[in-house]
Amino acid sequence: VYPGRQGILDEVTWGEDGWPKFKNNSPSVTAEVQTGASSE
């Protein structure tokens, strides 16, 4: 609790049943985004 609730990012994927899901159904430690540009 000391730093508080921190901002986390994860990809949402969609199953054949039409429902969304997250990898491992839990927050990721490391991941990758294919978006935008690498920030300076």
ModelCIF file with pLDDT and N, C-alpha, C, O atoms, coordinates in Angstrom:
data_MODEL
#
_entry.id   MODEL 
#
_entity.id                         1 
_entity.type                       polymer 
_entity.pdbx_number_of_molecules   1 
#
_entity_poly.entity_id                      1 
_entity_poly.type                           'polypeptide(L)' 
_entity_poly.nstd_linkage                   no 
_entity_poly.nstd_monomer                   no 
_entity_poly.pdbx_seq_one_letter_code       VYPGRQGILDEVTWGEDGWPKFKNNSPSVTAEVQTGASSE 
_entity_poly.pdbx_seq_one_letter_code_can   VYPGRQGILDEVTWGEDGWPKFKNNSPSVTAEVQTGASSE 
_entity_poly.pdbx_strand_id                 A 
#
loop_
_entity_poly_seq.entity_id 
_entity_poly_seq.num 
_entity_poly_seq.mon_id 
_entity_poly_seq.hetero 
1 1  VAL n 
1 2  TYR n 
1 3  PRO n 
1 4  GLY n 
1 5  ARG n 
1 6  GLN n 
1 7  GLY n 
1 8  ILE n 
1 9  LEU n 
1 10 ASP n 
1 11 GLU n 
1 12 VAL n 
1 13 THR n 
1 14 TRP n 
1 15 GLY n 
1 16 GLU n 
1 17 ASP n 
1 18 GLY n 
1 19 TRP n 
1 20 PRO n 
1 21 LYS n 
1 22 PHE n 
1 23 LYS n 
1 24 ASN n 
1 25 ASN n 
1 26 SER n 
1 27 PRO n 
1 28 SER n 
1 29 VAL n 
1 30 THR n 
1 31 ALA n 
1 32 GLU n 
1 33 VAL n 
1 34 GLN n 
1 35 THR n 
1 36 GLY n 
1 37 ALA n 
1 38 SER n 
1 39 SER n 
1 40 GLU n 
#
_struct_asym.id          A 
_struct_asym.entity_id   1 
#
loop_
_ma_qa_metric.id 
_ma_qa_metric.mode 
_ma_qa_metric.name 
_ma_qa_metric.software_group_id 
_ma_qa_metric.type 
1 global pLDDT . pLDDT 
2 local  pLDDT . pLDDT 
#
_ma_qa_metric_global.metric_id      1 
_ma_qa_metric_global.metric_value   91.25 
_ma_qa_metric_global.model_id       1 
_ma_qa_metric_global.ordinal_id     1 
#
loop_
_ma_qa_metric_local.label_asym_id 
_ma_qa_metric_local.label_comp_id 
_ma_qa_metric_local.label_seq_id 
_ma_qa_metric_local.metric_id 
_ma_qa_metric_local.metric_value 
_ma_qa_metric_local.model_id 
_ma_qa_metric_local.ordinal_id 
A VAL 1  2 98.00 1 1  
A TYR 2  2 98.00 1 2  
A PRO 3  2 98.00 1 3  
A GLY 4  2 98.00 1 4  
A ARG 5  2 98.00 1 5  
A GLN 6  2 98.00 1 6  
A GLY 7  2 98.00 1 7  
A ILE 8  2 98.00 1 8  
A LEU 9  2 98.00 1 9  
A ASP 10 2 98.00 1 10 
A GLU 11 2 97.00 1 11 
A VAL 12 2 98.00 1 12 
A THR 13 2 98.00 1 13 
A TRP 14 2 98.00 1 14 
A GLY 15 2 97.00 1 15 
A GLU 16 2 96.00 1 16 
A ASP 17 2 97.00 1 17 
A GLY 18 2 97.00 1 18 
A TRP 19 2 98.00 1 19 
A PRO 20 2 98.00 1 20 
A LYS 21 2 98.00 1 21 
A PHE 22 2 98.00 1 22 
A LYS 23 2 96.00 1 23 
A ASN 24 2 95.00 1 24 
A ASN 25 2 97.00 1 25 
A SER 26 2 98.00 1 26 
A PRO 27 2 98.00 1 27 
A SER 28 2 98.00 1 28 
A VAL 29 2 97.00 1 29 
A THR 30 2 97.00 1 30 
A ALA 31 2 96.00 1 31 
A GLU 32 2 94.00 1 32 
A VAL 33 2 93.00 1 33 
A GLN 34 2 85.00 1 34 
A THR 35 2 69.00 1 35 
A GLY 36 2 60.00 1 36 
A ALA 37 2 62.00 1 37 
A SER 38 2 60.00 1 38 
A SER 39 2 54.00 1 39 
A GLU 40 2 51.00 1 40 
#
loop_
_atom_site.group_PDB 
_atom_site.id 
_atom_site.type_symbol 
_atom_site.label_atom_id 
_atom_site.label_alt_id 
_atom_site.label_comp_id 
_atom_site.label_asym_id 
_atom_site.label_entity_id 
_atom_site.label_seq_id 
_atom_site.pdbx_PDB_ins_code 
_atom_site.Cartn_x 
_atom_site.Cartn_y 
_atom_site.Cartn_z 
_atom_site.occupancy 
_atom_site.B_iso_or_equiv 
_atom_site.pdbx_formal_charge 
_atom_site.auth_seq_id 
_atom_site.auth_comp_id 
_atom_site.auth_asym_id 
_atom_site.auth_atom_id 
_atom_site.pdbx_PDB_model_num 
ATOM 1   N N  . VAL A 1 1  ? 0.800   -1.221  0.000   1.00 98.00 ? 1  VAL A N  1 
ATOM 2   C CA . VAL A 1 1  ? 0.000   0.000   0.000   1.00 98.00 ? 1  VAL A CA 1 
ATOM 3   C C  . VAL A 1 1  ? 0.836   1.275   0.000   1.00 98.00 ? 1  VAL A C  1 
ATOM 4   O O  . VAL A 1 1  ? 0.291   2.358   -0.216  1.00 98.00 ? 1  VAL A O  1 
ATOM 5   N N  . TYR A 1 2  ? 2.138   1.178   0.236   1.00 98.00 ? 2  TYR A N  1 
ATOM 6   C CA . TYR A 1 2  ? 2.915   2.393   0.495   1.00 98.00 ? 2  TYR A CA 1 
ATOM 7   C C  . TYR A 1 2  ? 3.013   3.331   -0.710  1.00 98.00 ? 2  TYR A C  1 
ATOM 8   O O  . TYR A 1 2  ? 2.812   4.534   -0.540  1.00 98.00 ? 2  TYR A O  1 
ATOM 9   N N  . PRO A 1 3  ? 3.314   2.841   -1.923  1.00 98.00 ? 3  PRO A N  1 
ATOM 10  C CA . PRO A 1 3  ? 3.257   3.761   -3.066  1.00 98.00 ? 3  PRO A CA 1 
ATOM 11  C C  . PRO A 1 3  ? 1.840   4.015   -3.565  1.00 98.00 ? 3  PRO A C  1 
ATOM 12  O O  . PRO A 1 3  ? 1.625   4.908   -4.385  1.00 98.00 ? 3  PRO A O  1 
ATOM 13  N N  . GLY A 1 4  ? 0.873   3.243   -3.081  1.00 98.00 ? 4  GLY A N  1 
ATOM 14  C CA . GLY A 1 4  ? -0.505  3.398   -3.535  1.00 98.00 ? 4  GLY A CA 1 
ATOM 15  C C  . GLY A 1 4  ? -0.819  2.484   -4.703  1.00 98.00 ? 4  GLY A C  1 
ATOM 16  O O  . GLY A 1 4  ? -0.057  1.573   -5.029  1.00 98.00 ? 4  GLY A O  1 
ATOM 17  N N  . ARG A 1 5  ? -1.968  2.750   -5.332  1.00 98.00 ? 5  ARG A N  1 
ATOM 18  C CA . ARG A 1 5  ? -2.432  1.950   -6.470  1.00 98.00 ? 5  ARG A CA 1 
ATOM 19  C C  . ARG A 1 5  ? -1.792  2.500   -7.746  1.00 98.00 ? 5  ARG A C  1 
ATOM 20  O O  . ARG A 1 5  ? -2.008  3.655   -8.113  1.00 98.00 ? 5  ARG A O  1 
ATOM 21  N N  . GLN A 1 6  ? -1.005  1.662   -8.412  1.00 98.00 ? 6  GLN A N  1 
ATOM 22  C CA . GLN A 1 6  ? -0.177  2.120   -9.521  1.00 98.00 ? 6  GLN A CA 1 
ATOM 23  C C  . GLN A 1 6  ? -0.806  1.768   -10.870 1.00 98.00 ? 6  GLN A C  1 
ATOM 24  O O  . GLN A 1 6  ? -1.583  0.819   -10.971 1.00 98.00 ? 6  GLN A O  1 
ATOM 25  N N  . GLY A 1 7  ? -0.465  2.540   -11.905 1.00 98.00 ? 7  GLY A N  1 
ATOM 26  C CA . GLY A 1 7  ? -1.057  2.372   -13.216 1.00 98.00 ? 7  GLY A CA 1 
ATOM 27  C C  . GLY A 1 7  ? -0.428  1.226   -13.996 1.00 98.00 ? 7  GLY A C  1 
ATOM 28  O O  . GLY A 1 7  ? 0.781   1.219   -14.224 1.00 98.00 ? 7  GLY A O  1 
ATOM 29  N N  . ILE A 1 8  ? -1.241  0.258   -14.404 1.00 98.00 ? 8  ILE A N  1 
ATOM 30  C CA . ILE A 1 8  ? -0.805  -0.965  -15.081 1.00 98.00 ? 8  ILE A CA 1 
ATOM 31  C C  . ILE A 1 8  ? -1.433  -1.012  -16.468 1.00 98.00 ? 8  ILE A C  1 
ATOM 32  O O  . ILE A 1 8  ? -2.562  -0.561  -16.661 1.00 98.00 ? 8  ILE A O  1 
ATOM 33  N N  . LEU A 1 9  ? -0.708  -1.553  -17.420 1.00 98.00 ? 9  LEU A N  1 
ATOM 34  C CA . LEU A 1 9  ? -1.200  -1.677  -18.798 1.00 98.00 ? 9  LEU A CA 1 
ATOM 35  C C  . LEU A 1 9  ? -1.138  -3.129  -19.242 1.00 98.00 ? 9  LEU A C  1 
ATOM 36  O O  . LEU A 1 9  ? -0.123  -3.802  -19.058 1.00 98.00 ? 9  LEU A O  1 
ATOM 37  N N  . ASP A 1 10 ? -2.239  -3.613  -19.832 1.00 98.00 ? 10 ASP A N  1 
ATOM 38  C CA . ASP A 1 10 ? -2.266  -4.963  -20.397 1.00 98.00 ? 10 ASP A CA 1 
ATOM 39  C C  . ASP A 1 10 ? -3.140  -5.002  -21.636 1.00 98.00 ? 10 ASP A C  1 
ATOM 40  O O  . ASP A 1 10 ? -4.123  -4.268  -21.751 1.00 98.00 ? 10 ASP A O  1 
ATOM 41  N N  . GLU A 1 11 ? -2.763  -5.872  -22.561 1.00 97.00 ? 11 GLU A N  1 
ATOM 42  C CA . GLU A 1 11 ? -3.542  -6.029  -23.787 1.00 97.00 ? 11 GLU A CA 1 
ATOM 43  C C  . GLU A 1 11 ? -4.817  -6.820  -23.503 1.00 97.00 ? 11 GLU A C  1 
ATOM 44  O O  . GLU A 1 11 ? -4.821  -7.765  -22.714 1.00 97.00 ? 11 GLU A O  1 
ATOM 45  N N  . VAL A 1 12 ? -5.886  -6.415  -24.159 1.00 98.00 ? 12 VAL A N  1 
ATOM 46  C CA . VAL A 1 12 ? -7.150  -7.148  -24.133 1.00 98.00 ? 12 VAL A CA 1 
ATOM 47  C C  . VAL A 1 12 ? -7.250  -7.943  -25.436 1.00 98.00 ? 12 VAL A C  1 
ATOM 48  O O  . VAL A 1 12 ? -7.154  -7.366  -26.520 1.00 98.00 ? 12 VAL A O  1 
ATOM 49  N N  . THR A 1 13 ? -7.439  -9.247  -25.340 1.00 98.00 ? 13 THR A N  1 
ATOM 50  C CA . THR A 1 13 ? -7.677  -10.054 -26.529 1.00 98.00 ? 13 THR A CA 1 
ATOM 51  C C  . THR A 1 13 ? -9.106  -10.589 -26.482 1.00 98.00 ? 13 THR A C  1 
ATOM 52  O O  . THR A 1 13 ? -9.761  -10.564 -25.441 1.00 98.00 ? 13 THR A O  1 
ATOM 53  N N  . TRP A 1 14 ? -9.574  -11.076 -27.634 1.00 98.00 ? 14 TRP A N  1 
ATOM 54  C CA . TRP A 1 14 ? -10.971 -11.489 -27.742 1.00 98.00 ? 14 TRP A CA 1 
ATOM 55  C C  . TRP A 1 14 ? -11.045 -12.939 -28.208 1.00 98.00 ? 14 TRP A C  1 
ATOM 56  O O  . TRP A 1 14 ? -10.449 -13.308 -29.220 1.00 98.00 ? 14 TRP A O  1 
ATOM 57  N N  . GLY A 1 15 ? -11.780 -13.753 -27.463 1.00 97.00 ? 15 GLY A N  1 
ATOM 58  C CA . GLY A 1 15 ? -11.906 -15.164 -27.793 1.00 97.00 ? 15 GLY A CA 1 
ATOM 59  C C  . GLY A 1 15 ? -12.924 -15.409 -28.895 1.00 97.00 ? 15 GLY A C  1 
ATOM 60  O O  . GLY A 1 15 ? -13.670 -14.509 -29.282 1.00 97.00 ? 15 GLY A O  1 
ATOM 61  N N  . GLU A 1 16 ? -12.943 -16.630 -29.392 1.00 96.00 ? 16 GLU A N  1 
ATOM 62  C CA . GLU A 1 16 ? -13.904 -16.998 -30.425 1.00 96.00 ? 16 GLU A CA 1 
ATOM 63  C C  . GLU A 1 16 ? -15.341 -16.911 -29.932 1.00 96.00 ? 16 GLU A C  1 
ATOM 64  O O  . GLU A 1 16 ? -16.274 -16.782 -30.724 1.00 96.00 ? 16 GLU A O  1 
ATOM 65  N N  . ASP A 1 17 ? -15.510 -16.982 -28.612 1.00 97.00 ? 17 ASP A N  1 
ATOM 66  C CA . ASP A 1 17 ? -16.852 -16.861 -28.030 1.00 97.00 ? 17 ASP A CA 1 
ATOM 67  C C  . ASP A 1 17 ? -17.295 -15.407 -27.906 1.00 97.00 ? 17 ASP A C  1 
ATOM 68  O O  . ASP A 1 17 ? -18.405 -15.126 -27.452 1.00 97.00 ? 17 ASP A O  1 
ATOM 69  N N  . GLY A 1 18 ? -16.415 -14.480 -28.314 1.00 97.00 ? 18 GLY A N  1 
ATOM 70  C CA . GLY A 1 18 ? -16.767 -13.063 -28.260 1.00 97.00 ? 18 GLY A CA 1 
ATOM 71  C C  . GLY A 1 18 ? -16.458 -12.380 -26.951 1.00 97.00 ? 18 GLY A C  1 
ATOM 72  O O  . GLY A 1 18 ? -16.669 -11.173 -26.829 1.00 97.00 ? 18 GLY A O  1 
ATOM 73  N N  . TRP A 1 19 ? -15.963 -13.108 -25.964 1.00 98.00 ? 19 TRP A N  1 
ATOM 74  C CA . TRP A 1 19 ? -15.642 -12.505 -24.668 1.00 98.00 ? 19 TRP A CA 1 
ATOM 75  C C  . TRP A 1 19 ? -14.193 -12.028 -24.634 1.00 98.00 ? 19 TRP A C  1 
ATOM 76  O O  . TRP A 1 19 ? -13.325 -12.650 -25.246 1.00 98.00 ? 19 TRP A O  1 
ATOM 77  N N  . PRO A 1 20 ? -13.920 -10.926 -23.923 1.00 98.00 ? 20 PRO A N  1 
ATOM 78  C CA . PRO A 1 20 ? -12.534 -10.451 -23.770 1.00 98.00 ? 20 PRO A CA 1 
ATOM 79  C C  . PRO A 1 20 ? -11.786 -11.261 -22.730 1.00 98.00 ? 20 PRO A C  1 
ATOM 80  O O  . PRO A 1 20 ? -12.393 -11.883 -21.858 1.00 98.00 ? 20 PRO A O  1 
ATOM 81  N N  . LYS A 1 21 ? -10.463 -11.250 -22.826 1.00 98.00 ? 21 LYS A N  1 
ATOM 82  C CA . LYS A 1 21 ? -9.647  -11.949 -21.842 1.00 98.00 ? 21 LYS A CA 1 
ATOM 83  C C  . LYS A 1 21 ? -8.278  -11.303 -21.747 1.00 98.00 ? 21 LYS A C  1 
ATOM 84  O O  . LYS A 1 21 ? -7.856  -10.562 -22.636 1.00 98.00 ? 21 LYS A O  1 
ATOM 85  N N  . PHE A 1 22 ? -7.592  -11.598 -20.650 1.00 98.00 ? 22 PHE A N  1 
ATOM 86  C CA . PHE A 1 22 ? -6.230  -11.136 -20.413 1.00 98.00 ? 22 PHE A CA 1 
ATOM 87  C C  . PHE A 1 22 ? -5.308  -12.345 -20.304 1.00 98.00 ? 22 PHE A C  1 
ATOM 88  O O  . PHE A 1 22 ? -5.720  -13.412 -19.849 1.00 98.00 ? 22 PHE A O  1 
ATOM 89  N N  . LYS A 1 23 ? -4.061  -12.170 -20.724 1.00 96.00 ? 23 LYS A N  1 
ATOM 90  C CA . LYS A 1 23 ? -3.093  -13.251 -20.624 1.00 96.00 ? 23 LYS A CA 1 
ATOM 91  C C  . LYS A 1 23 ? -2.926  -13.662 -19.168 1.00 96.00 ? 23 LYS A C  1 
ATOM 92  O O  . LYS A 1 23 ? -2.663  -12.826 -18.304 1.00 96.00 ? 23 LYS A O  1 
ATOM 93  N N  . ASN A 1 24 ? -3.078  -14.948 -18.906 1.00 95.00 ? 24 ASN A N  1 
ATOM 94  C CA . ASN A 1 24 ? -2.952  -15.523 -17.555 1.00 95.00 ? 24 ASN A CA 1 
ATOM 95  C C  . ASN A 1 24 ? -3.996  -14.984 -16.582 1.00 95.00 ? 24 ASN A C  1 
ATOM 96  O O  . ASN A 1 24 ? -3.905  -15.226 -15.378 1.00 95.00 ? 24 ASN A O  1 
ATOM 97  N N  . ASN A 1 25 ? -4.980  -14.260 -17.093 1.00 97.00 ? 25 ASN A N  1 
ATOM 98  C CA . ASN A 1 25 ? -6.048  -13.724 -16.236 1.00 97.00 ? 25 ASN A CA 1 
ATOM 99  C C  . ASN A 1 25 ? -5.511  -12.930 -15.044 1.00 97.00 ? 25 ASN A C  1 
ATOM 100 O O  . ASN A 1 25 ? -6.111  -12.921 -13.969 1.00 97.00 ? 25 ASN A O  1 
ATOM 101 N N  . SER A 1 26 ? -4.381  -12.270 -15.248 1.00 98.00 ? 26 SER A N  1 
ATOM 102 C CA . SER A 1 26 ? -3.780  -11.497 -14.161 1.00 98.00 ? 26 SER A CA 1 
ATOM 103 C C  . SER A 1 26 ? -2.832  -10.459 -14.752 1.00 98.00 ? 26 SER A C  1 
ATOM 104 O O  . SER A 1 26 ? -2.486  -10.545 -15.930 1.00 98.00 ? 26 SER A O  1 
ATOM 105 N N  . PRO A 1 27 ? -2.405  -9.481  -13.956 1.00 98.00 ? 27 PRO A N  1 
ATOM 106 C CA . PRO A 1 27 ? -1.520  -8.435  -14.471 1.00 98.00 ? 27 PRO A CA 1 
ATOM 107 C C  . PRO A 1 27 ? -0.186  -8.988  -14.947 1.00 98.00 ? 27 PRO A C  1 
ATOM 108 O O  . PRO A 1 27 ? 0.345   -9.941  -14.376 1.00 98.00 ? 27 PRO A O  1 
ATOM 109 N N  . SER A 1 28 ? 0.345   -8.382  -15.994 1.00 98.00 ? 28 SER A N  1 
ATOM 110 C CA . SER A 1 28 ? 1.646   -8.801  -16.510 1.00 98.00 ? 28 SER A CA 1 
ATOM 111 C C  . SER A 1 28 ? 2.763   -8.061  -15.784 1.00 98.00 ? 28 SER A C  1 
ATOM 112 O O  . SER A 1 28 ? 2.566   -6.971  -15.246 1.00 98.00 ? 28 SER A O  1 
ATOM 113 N N  . VAL A 1 29 ? 3.935   -8.678  -15.785 1.00 97.00 ? 29 VAL A N  1 
ATOM 114 C CA . VAL A 1 29 ? 5.128   -8.020  -15.262 1.00 97.00 ? 29 VAL A CA 1 
ATOM 115 C C  . VAL A 1 29 ? 5.808   -7.265  -16.391 1.00 97.00 ? 29 VAL A C  1 
ATOM 116 O O  . VAL A 1 29 ? 6.086   -6.072  -16.267 1.00 97.00 ? 29 VAL A O  1 
ATOM 117 N N  . THR A 1 30 ? 6.075   -7.956  -17.490 1.00 97.00 ? 30 THR A N  1 
ATOM 118 C CA . THR A 1 30 ? 6.630   -7.323  -18.688 1.00 97.00 ? 30 THR A CA 1 
ATOM 119 C C  . THR A 1 30 ? 5.734   -7.671  -19.867 1.00 97.00 ? 30 THR A C  1 
ATOM 120 O O  . THR A 1 30 ? 5.116   -8.735  -19.893 1.00 97.00 ? 30 THR A O  1 
ATOM 121 N N  . ALA A 1 31 ? 5.669   -6.779  -20.832 1.00 96.00 ? 31 ALA A N  1 
ATOM 122 C CA . ALA A 1 31 ? 4.821   -6.998  -22.010 1.00 96.00 ? 31 ALA A CA 1 
ATOM 123 C C  . ALA A 1 31 ? 5.332   -6.103  -23.136 1.00 96.00 ? 31 ALA A C  1 
ATOM 124 O O  . ALA A 1 31 ? 6.397   -5.495  -23.032 1.00 96.00 ? 31 ALA A O  1 
ATOM 125 N N  . GLU A 1 32 ? 4.561   -6.036  -24.200 1.00 94.00 ? 32 GLU A N  1 
ATOM 126 C CA . GLU A 1 32 ? 4.968   -5.293  -25.380 1.00 94.00 ? 32 GLU A CA 1 
ATOM 127 C C  . GLU A 1 32 ? 3.758   -4.632  -25.999 1.00 94.00 ? 32 GLU A C  1 
ATOM 128 O O  . GLU A 1 32 ? 2.671   -5.209  -26.032 1.00 94.00 ? 32 GLU A O  1 
ATOM 129 N N  . VAL A 1 33 ? 3.950   -3.418  -26.491 1.00 93.00 ? 33 VAL A N  1 
ATOM 130 C CA . VAL A 1 33 ? 2.888   -2.738  -27.241 1.00 93.00 ? 33 VAL A CA 1 
ATOM 131 C C  . VAL A 1 33 ? 3.403   -2.452  -28.644 1.00 93.00 ? 33 VAL A C  1 
ATOM 132 O O  . VAL A 1 33 ? 4.566   -2.097  -28.834 1.00 93.00 ? 33 VAL A O  1 
ATOM 133 N N  . GLN A 1 34 ? 2.525   -2.610  -29.616 1.00 85.00 ? 34 GLN A N  1 
ATOM 134 C CA . GLN A 1 34 ? 2.846   -2.278  -31.000 1.00 85.00 ? 34 GLN A CA 1 
ATOM 135 C C  . GLN A 1 34 ? 2.060   -1.024  -31.328 1.00 85.00 ? 34 GLN A C  1 
ATOM 136 O O  . GLN A 1 34 ? 1.059   -1.064  -32.044 1.00 85.00 ? 34 GLN A O  1 
ATOM 137 N N  . THR A 1 35 ? 2.534   0.090   -30.790 1.00 69.00 ? 35 THR A N  1 
ATOM 138 C CA . THR A 1 35 ? 1.734   1.295   -30.891 1.00 69.00 ? 35 THR A CA 1 
ATOM 139 C C  . THR A 1 35 ? 2.599   2.531   -30.807 1.00 69.00 ? 35 THR A C  1 
ATOM 140 O O  . THR A 1 35 ? 3.575   2.569   -30.058 1.00 69.00 ? 35 THR A O  1 
ATOM 141 N N  . GLY A 1 36 ? 2.240   3.539   -31.573 1.00 60.00 ? 36 GLY A N  1 
ATOM 142 C CA . GLY A 1 36 ? 2.904   4.824   -31.463 1.00 60.00 ? 36 GLY A CA 1 
ATOM 143 C C  . GLY A 1 36 ? 4.378   4.756   -31.763 1.00 60.00 ? 36 GLY A C  1 
ATOM 144 O O  . GLY A 1 36 ? 4.810   3.980   -32.615 1.00 60.00 ? 36 GLY A O  1 
ATOM 145 N N  . ALA A 1 37 ? 5.152   5.564   -31.068 1.00 62.00 ? 37 ALA A N  1 
ATOM 146 C CA . ALA A 1 37 ? 6.591   5.642   -31.265 1.00 62.00 ? 37 ALA A CA 1 
ATOM 147 C C  . ALA A 1 37 ? 7.284   5.534   -29.924 1.00 62.00 ? 37 ALA A C  1 
ATOM 148 O O  . ALA A 1 37 ? 6.696   5.808   -28.878 1.00 62.00 ? 37 ALA A O  1 
ATOM 149 N N  . SER A 1 38 ? 8.533   5.135   -29.970 1.00 60.00 ? 38 SER A N  1 
ATOM 150 C CA . SER A 1 38 ? 9.319   5.087   -28.747 1.00 60.00 ? 38 SER A CA 1 
ATOM 151 C C  . SER A 1 38 ? 9.555   6.510   -28.261 1.00 60.00 ? 38 SER A C  1 
ATOM 152 O O  . SER A 1 38 ? 10.068  7.349   -29.001 1.00 60.00 ? 38 SER A O  1 
ATOM 153 N N  . SER A 1 39 ? 9.184   6.773   -27.035 1.00 54.00 ? 39 SER A N  1 
ATOM 154 C CA . SER A 1 39 ? 9.274   8.129   -26.500 1.00 54.00 ? 39 SER A CA 1 
ATOM 155 C C  . SER A 1 39 ? 10.687  8.456   -26.062 1.00 54.00 ? 39 SER A C  1 
ATOM 156 O O  . SER A 1 39 ? 11.408  7.596   -25.556 1.00 54.00 ? 39 SER A O  1 
ATOM 157 N N  . GLU A 1 40 ? 11.084  9.724   -26.263 1.00 51.00 ? 40 GLU A N  1 
ATOM 158 C CA . GLU A 1 40 ? 12.377  10.173  -25.775 1.00 51.00 ? 40 GLU A CA 1 
ATOM 159 C C  . GLU A 1 40 ? 12.315  10.492  -24.288 1.00 51.00 ? 40 GLU A C  1 
ATOM 160 O O  . GLU A 1 40 ? 13.321  10.889  -23.700 1.00 51.00 ? 40 GLU A O  1 
#
